[in-house]
C-alpha atoms as a PDB file:
ATOM      1  CA  MET A   1       2.993  -7.025  14.764  1.00  0.00           C
ATOM      2  CA  ILE A   2       6.760  -7.505  14.082  1.00  0.00           C
ATOM      3  CA  ASN A   3       8.993  -9.640  15.808  1.00  0.00           C
ATOM      4  CA  SER A   4      13.056 -10.661  14.958  1.00  0.00           C
ATOM      5  CA  TYR A   5      13.844 -14.131  13.148  1.00  0.00           C
ATOM      6  CA  ILE A   6      17.791 -14.970  14.104  1.00  0.00           C
ATOM      7  CA  PRO A   7      18.170 -18.449  11.703  1.00  0.00           C
ATOM      8  CA  GLU A   8      21.261 -20.091  13.590  1.00  0.00           C
ATOM      9  CA  TYR A   9      23.112 -21.896  10.779  1.00  0.00           C
ATOM     10  CA  GLU A  10      26.896 -23.870  10.693  1.00  0.00           C
ATOM     11  CA  THR A  11      29.154 -22.531   7.948  1.00  0.00           C
ATOM     12  CA  GLU A  12      32.774 -23.051   8.472  1.00  0.00           C
ATOM     13  CA  THR A  13      33.996 -20.933  10.804  1.00  0.00           C
ATOM     14  CA  GLY A  14      31.622 -21.627  13.037  1.00  0.00           C
ATOM     15  CA  LYS A  15      28.212 -20.838  13.866  1.00  0.00           C
ATOM     16  CA  THR A  16      26.745 -17.753  12.532  1.00  0.00           C
ATOM     17  CA  SER A  17      22.754 -15.986  12.540  1.00  0.00           C
ATOM     18  CA  ALA A  18      20.579 -13.559  10.250  1.00  0.00           C
ATOM     19  CA  ARG A  19      18.282 -11.096  11.097  1.00  0.00           C
ATOM     20  CA  TYR A  20      14.652 -11.016   9.339  1.00  0.00           C
ATOM     21  CA  PRO A  21      12.092  -9.586  10.598  1.00  0.00           C
ATOM     22  CA  ILE A  22       8.861 -11.826  11.085  1.00  0.00           C
ATOM     23  CA  ILE A  23       5.293 -10.131  10.426  1.00  0.00           C
ATOM     24  CA  ILE A  24       2.632 -11.969  12.491  1.00  0.00           C
ATOM     25  CA  ILE A  25      -0.618 -12.179  11.098  1.00  0.00           C
ATOM     26  CA  ARG A  26      -3.639 -12.134  13.493  1.00  0.00           C
ATOM     27  CA  GLU A  27      -6.235 -14.884  13.325  1.00  0.00           C
ATOM     28  CA  ASN A  28      -8.889 -12.286  12.950  1.00  0.00           C
ATOM     29  CA  ILE A  29      -7.483 -10.326  10.211  1.00  0.00           C
ATOM     30  CA  PRO A  30      -9.214 -11.202   7.048  1.00  0.00           C
ATOM     31  CA  THR A  31      -7.495 -12.232   4.340  1.00  0.00           C
ATOM     32  CA  SER A  32      -8.445 -14.268   1.170  1.00  0.00           C
ATOM     33  CA  SER A  33      -7.748 -17.950   0.572  1.00  0.00           C
ATOM     34  CA  ARG A  34      -5.060 -17.223  -2.413  1.00  0.00           C
ATOM     35  CA  SER A  35      -3.661 -14.325  -0.084  1.00  0.00           C
ATOM     36  CA  LEU A  36      -1.715 -16.054   2.847  1.00  0.00           C
ATOM     37  CA  SER A  37      -1.910 -19.602   3.797  1.00  0.00           C
ATOM     38  CA  SER A  38       0.178 -19.536   7.293  1.00  0.00           C
ATOM     39  CA  LEU A  39       0.056 -17.476   9.894  1.00  0.00           C
ATOM     40  CA  SER A  40       3.113 -16.261  10.156  1.00  0.00           C
ATOM     41  CA  LEU A  41       4.792 -14.849   7.241  1.00  0.00           C
ATOM     42  CA  ARG A  42       8.956 -14.427   6.625  1.00  0.00           C
ATOM     43  CA  ILE A  43       9.869 -11.058   5.221  1.00  0.00           C
ATOM     44  CA  ASP A  44      13.754  -9.969   4.540  1.00  0.00           C
ATOM     45  CA  ILE A  45      15.244  -6.833   4.321  1.00  0.00           C
ATOM     46  CA  GLU A  46      15.397  -6.921   0.521  1.00  0.00           C
ATOM     47  CA  ALA A  47      11.512  -7.869   0.086  1.00  0.00           C
ATOM     48  CA  ILE A  48      11.285  -4.906   2.420  1.00  0.00           C
ATOM     49  CA  SER A  49      13.691  -2.726   0.196  1.00  0.00           C
ATOM     50  CA  SER A  50      11.272  -3.749  -2.700  1.00  0.00           C
ATOM     51  CA  ILE A  51       7.958  -3.174  -1.131  1.00  0.00           C
ATOM     52  CA  LEU A  52       9.055   0.335  -0.545  1.00  0.00           C
ATOM     53  CA  SER A  53      10.973   1.094  -3.993  1.00  0.00           C
ATOM     54  CA  ARG A  54       8.047  -0.015  -5.894  1.00  0.00           C
ATOM     55  CA  LEU A  55       5.679   3.049  -3.786  1.00  0.00           C
ATOM     56  CA  GLY A  56       8.523   5.147  -3.983  1.00  0.00           C
ATOM     57  CA  SER A  57       8.185   4.925  -8.353  1.00  0.00           C
ATOM     58  CA  LEU A  58       4.261   5.155  -7.435  1.00  0.00           C
ATOM     59  CA  VAL A  59       3.720   8.247  -5.105  1.00  0.00           C
ATOM     60  CA  ASN A  60       5.919  11.151  -4.473  1.00  0.00           C
ATOM     61  CA  GLU A  61       4.369  11.116  -0.094  1.00  0.00           C
ATOM     62  CA  ILE A  62       4.228   8.236   1.643  1.00  0.00           C
ATOM     63  CA  ASP A  63       4.650   7.595   5.435  1.00  0.00           C
ATOM     64  CA  LEU A  64       6.553   4.902   6.613  1.00  0.00           C
ATOM     65  CA  GLU A  65       3.660   3.671   9.394  1.00  0.00           C
ATOM     66  CA  ILE A  66       1.851   3.786   7.153  1.00  0.00           C
ATOM     67  CA  VAL A  67       3.882   1.059   4.970  1.00  0.00           C
ATOM     68  CA  SER A  68       4.547  -0.512   8.729  1.00  0.00           C
ATOM     69  CA  GLY A  69       0.397  -0.576   8.799  1.00  0.00           C
ATOM     70  CA  LEU A  70      -0.153  -2.307   5.482  1.00  0.00           C
ATOM     71  CA  LEU A  71       2.800  -5.161   5.566  1.00  0.00           C
ATOM     72  CA  PHE A  72       0.267  -6.758   8.368  1.00  0.00           C
ATOM     73  CA  GLN A  73      -2.863  -6.170   5.801  1.00  0.00           C
ATOM     74  CA  PRO A  74      -0.416  -8.204   2.661  1.00  0.00           C
ATOM     75  CA  THR A  75      -4.353  -8.515   0.680  1.00  0.00           C
ATOM     76  CA  VAL A  76      -4.718  -4.211   1.303  1.00  0.00           C
ATOM     77  CA  LEU A  77      -1.462  -4.187   0.504  1.00  0.00           C
ATOM     78  CA  TRP A  78      -1.183  -5.594  -2.453  1.00  0.00           C
ATOM     79  CA  ASP A  79      -4.583  -4.039  -4.045  1.00  0.00           C
ATOM     80  CA  ILE A  80      -2.812  -1.069  -3.539  1.00  0.00           C
ATOM     81  CA  PHE A  81      -0.311  -1.173  -5.716  1.00  0.00           C
ATOM     82  CA  ARG A  82      -2.901  -2.569  -8.548  1.00  0.00           C
ATOM     83  CA  PHE A  83      -5.134  -0.204  -8.032  1.00  0.00           C
ATOM     84  CA  LEU A  84      -1.884   2.872  -7.938  1.00  0.00           C
ATOM     85  CA  GLU A  85      -0.694   1.116 -11.012  1.00  0.00           C
ATOM     86  CA  ARG A  86      -4.506   0.947 -12.970  1.00  0.00           C
ATOM     87  CA  THR A  87      -3.422   4.864 -12.073  1.00  0.00           C
ATOM     88  CA  HIS A  88      -0.906   5.668 -13.306  1.00  0.00           C
ATOM     89  CA  GLU A  89      -1.827   3.445 -16.696  1.00  0.00           C
ATOM     90  CA  PHE A  90      -4.783   5.468 -16.942  1.00  0.00           C
ATOM     91  CA  MET A  91      -3.386   9.042 -16.258  1.00  0.00           C
ATOM     92  CA  ARG A  92      -0.674   8.008 -19.070  1.00  0.00           C
ATOM     93  CA  MET A  93      -3.403   7.517 -21.402  1.00  0.00           C
ATOM     94  CA  ILE A  94      -5.373  10.598 -21.147  1.00  0.00           C
ATOM     95  CA  GLY A  95      -2.218  12.460 -21.126  1.00  0.00           C
ATOM     96  CA  LEU A  96      -1.023  13.240 -17.188  1.00  0.00           C
ATOM     97  CA  ARG A  97       2.315  12.814 -16.352  1.00  0.00           C
ATOM     98  CA  MET A  98       3.119  12.130 -12.253  1.00  0.00           C
ATOM     99  CA  ASN A  99       5.400  15.475 -11.252  1.00  0.00           C
ATOM    100  CA  GLU A 100       4.611  17.254 -14.140  1.00  0.00           C
ATOM    101  CA  HIS A 101       0.823  16.637 -14.017  1.00  0.00           C
ATOM    102  CA  PHE A 102       0.352  15.603 -10.406  1.00  0.00           C
ATOM    103  CA  LEU A 103       1.086  13.896  -7.479  1.00  0.00           C
ATOM    104  CA  ILE A 104      -0.054  11.120  -5.706  1.00  0.00           C
ATOM    105  CA  GLU A 105       0.272  10.789  -1.762  1.00  0.00           C
ATOM    106  CA  ILE A 106      -1.581   8.161   0.755  1.00  0.00           C
ATOM    107  CA  SER A 107      -1.902   9.634   3.767  1.00  0.00           C
ATOM    108  CA  ARG A 108      -4.335   8.153   7.072  1.00  0.00           C
ATOM    109  CA  TRP A 109      -7.879  10.380   6.570  1.00  0.00           C
ATOM    110  CA  THR A 110      -8.520  10.434  10.829  1.00  0.00           C
ATOM    111  CA  ASP A 111     -12.170  11.633  11.685  1.00  0.00           C
ATOM    112  CA  TYR A 112     -11.568  13.379  14.958  1.00  0.00           C
ATOM    113  CA  GLU A 113     -15.468  13.227  15.717  1.00  0.00           C
ATOM    114  CA  VAL A 114     -15.801  10.293  15.871  1.00  0.00           C
ATOM    115  CA  GLU A 115     -13.643   7.336  17.593  1.00  0.00           C
ATOM    116  CA  ASP A 116     -11.051   5.210  16.055  1.00  0.00           C
ATOM    117  CA  TRP A 117     -12.357   6.044  12.704  1.00  0.00           C
ATOM    118  CA  ASN A 118      -9.616   6.298  10.094  1.00  0.00           C
ATOM    119  CA  TYR A 119      -9.172   5.577   6.401  1.00  0.00           C
ATOM    120  CA  LEU A 120      -5.564   4.595   4.600  1.00  0.00           C
ATOM    121  CA  GLN A 121      -5.820   7.730   1.869  1.00  0.00           C
ATOM    122  CA  ILE A 122      -4.911   7.915  -1.387  1.00  0.00           C
ATOM    123  CA  LYS A 123      -4.644  11.452  -2.831  1.00  0.00           C
ATOM    124  CA  ILE A 124      -4.365  13.066  -6.519  1.00  0.00           C
ATOM    125  CA  LYS A 125      -3.351  16.120  -6.349  1.00  0.00           C
ATOM    126  CA  LEU A 126      -3.773  17.900  -9.563  1.00  0.00           C
ATOM    127  CA  LEU A 127      -1.469  20.467 -10.299  1.00  0.00           C
ATOM    128  CA  GLU A 128      -3.242  22.094 -13.597  1.00  0.00           C
ATOM    129  CA  ARG A 129      -6.390  23.401 -13.152  1.00  0.00           C
ATOM    130  CA  ARG A 130      -7.642  22.174 -16.610  1.00  0.00           C
ATOM    131  CA  ILE A 131      -7.989  19.133 -15.864  1.00  0.00           C
ATOM    132  CA  ASP A 132     -11.892  18.338 -13.966  1.00  0.00           C
ATOM    133  CA  LYS A 133     -11.304  17.310 -10.880  1.00  0.00           C
ATOM    134  CA  PHE A 134     -14.962  15.242 -10.320  1.00  0.00           C
ATOM    135  CA  VAL A 135     -14.600  13.310 -13.774  1.00  0.00           C
ATOM    136  CA  LEU A 136     -11.460  12.297 -12.551  1.00  0.00           C
ATOM    137  CA  LEU A 137     -12.488  10.706  -9.177  1.00  0.00           C
ATOM    138  CA  LYS A 138     -15.207   9.463 -11.148  1.00  0.00           C
ATOM    139  CA  ASN A 139     -13.086   7.830 -13.006  1.00  0.00           C
ATOM    140  CA  LEU A 140     -11.000   6.452 -10.737  1.00  0.00           C
ATOM    141  CA  ILE A 141     -13.658   5.270  -8.266  1.00  0.00           C
ATOM    142  CA  SER A 142     -15.019   3.485 -10.945  1.00  0.00           C
ATOM    143  CA  MET A 143     -11.795   2.451 -11.561  1.00  0.00           C
ATOM    144  CA  ALA A 144     -11.254   1.442  -8.181  1.00  0.00           C
ATOM    145  CA  THR A 145     -14.830  -0.390  -7.449  1.00  0.00           C
ATOM    146  CA  GLN A 146     -13.789  -3.300 -10.396  1.00  0.00           C
ATOM    147  CA  ILE A 147     -10.579  -3.858  -9.549  1.00  0.00           C
ATOM    148  CA  LEU A 148     -10.348  -3.831  -5.685  1.00  0.00           C
ATOM    149  CA  GLN A 149     -11.239  -6.517  -3.293  1.00  0.00           C
ATOM    150  CA  GLU A 150     -14.198  -5.532  -1.159  1.00  0.00           C
ATOM    151  CA  GLN A 151     -11.753  -5.566   1.944  1.00  0.00           C
ATOM    152  CA  THR A 152      -9.918  -2.825   0.669  1.00  0.00           C
ATOM    153  CA  ARG A 153     -12.176  -0.409  -0.542  1.00  0.00           C
ATOM    154  CA  ARG A 154     -14.011  -0.506   2.723  1.00  0.00           C
ATOM    155  CA  GLU A 155      -9.973   0.396   3.493  1.00  0.00           C
ATOM    156  CA  ILE A 156      -8.824   3.070   1.843  1.00  0.00           C
ATOM    157  CA  VAL A 157     -10.397   6.825   0.829  1.00  0.00           C
ATOM    158  CA  ILE A 158      -9.689   8.537  -2.868  1.00  0.00           C
ATOM    159  CA  LEU A 159      -9.169  11.195  -3.311  1.00  0.00           C
ATOM    160  CA  VAL A 160      -9.060  14.563  -5.902  1.00  0.00           C
ATOM    161  CA  GLU A 161      -8.089  18.137  -4.973  1.00  0.00           C
END
């Protein structure tokens, strides 16, 4: 849940207020001991802008609703950043560049046959046919297993098309 927090402070010209979004971390959301030390986390507009900018450099397409949801799950968001950065490193290592050889999209995969069953989907779209999708997927899943926390692995689906 995001609420507005308006602190007031005195200046030479009088009272002034600034608006910051406050992200409330619900107590029933599991977090690791090193991820959060309090239930409330204040993030200013510059921090949100930085998050959007960083995501924009790692993916080609993402829905703002998904970003909003990830702000409620800071450990998952952090893991997604780490995974995307490692994916880019791996792709560069095998000679592939974003926008030239592949695209990355983050979306929500929903199984309409099972109620409330949806996952964050990281989709790598290959723009070249010469790349073996199954070998790439196997390597990405192996990498994800090594670097992502178990909580994050339960929240995402990795797809290569």
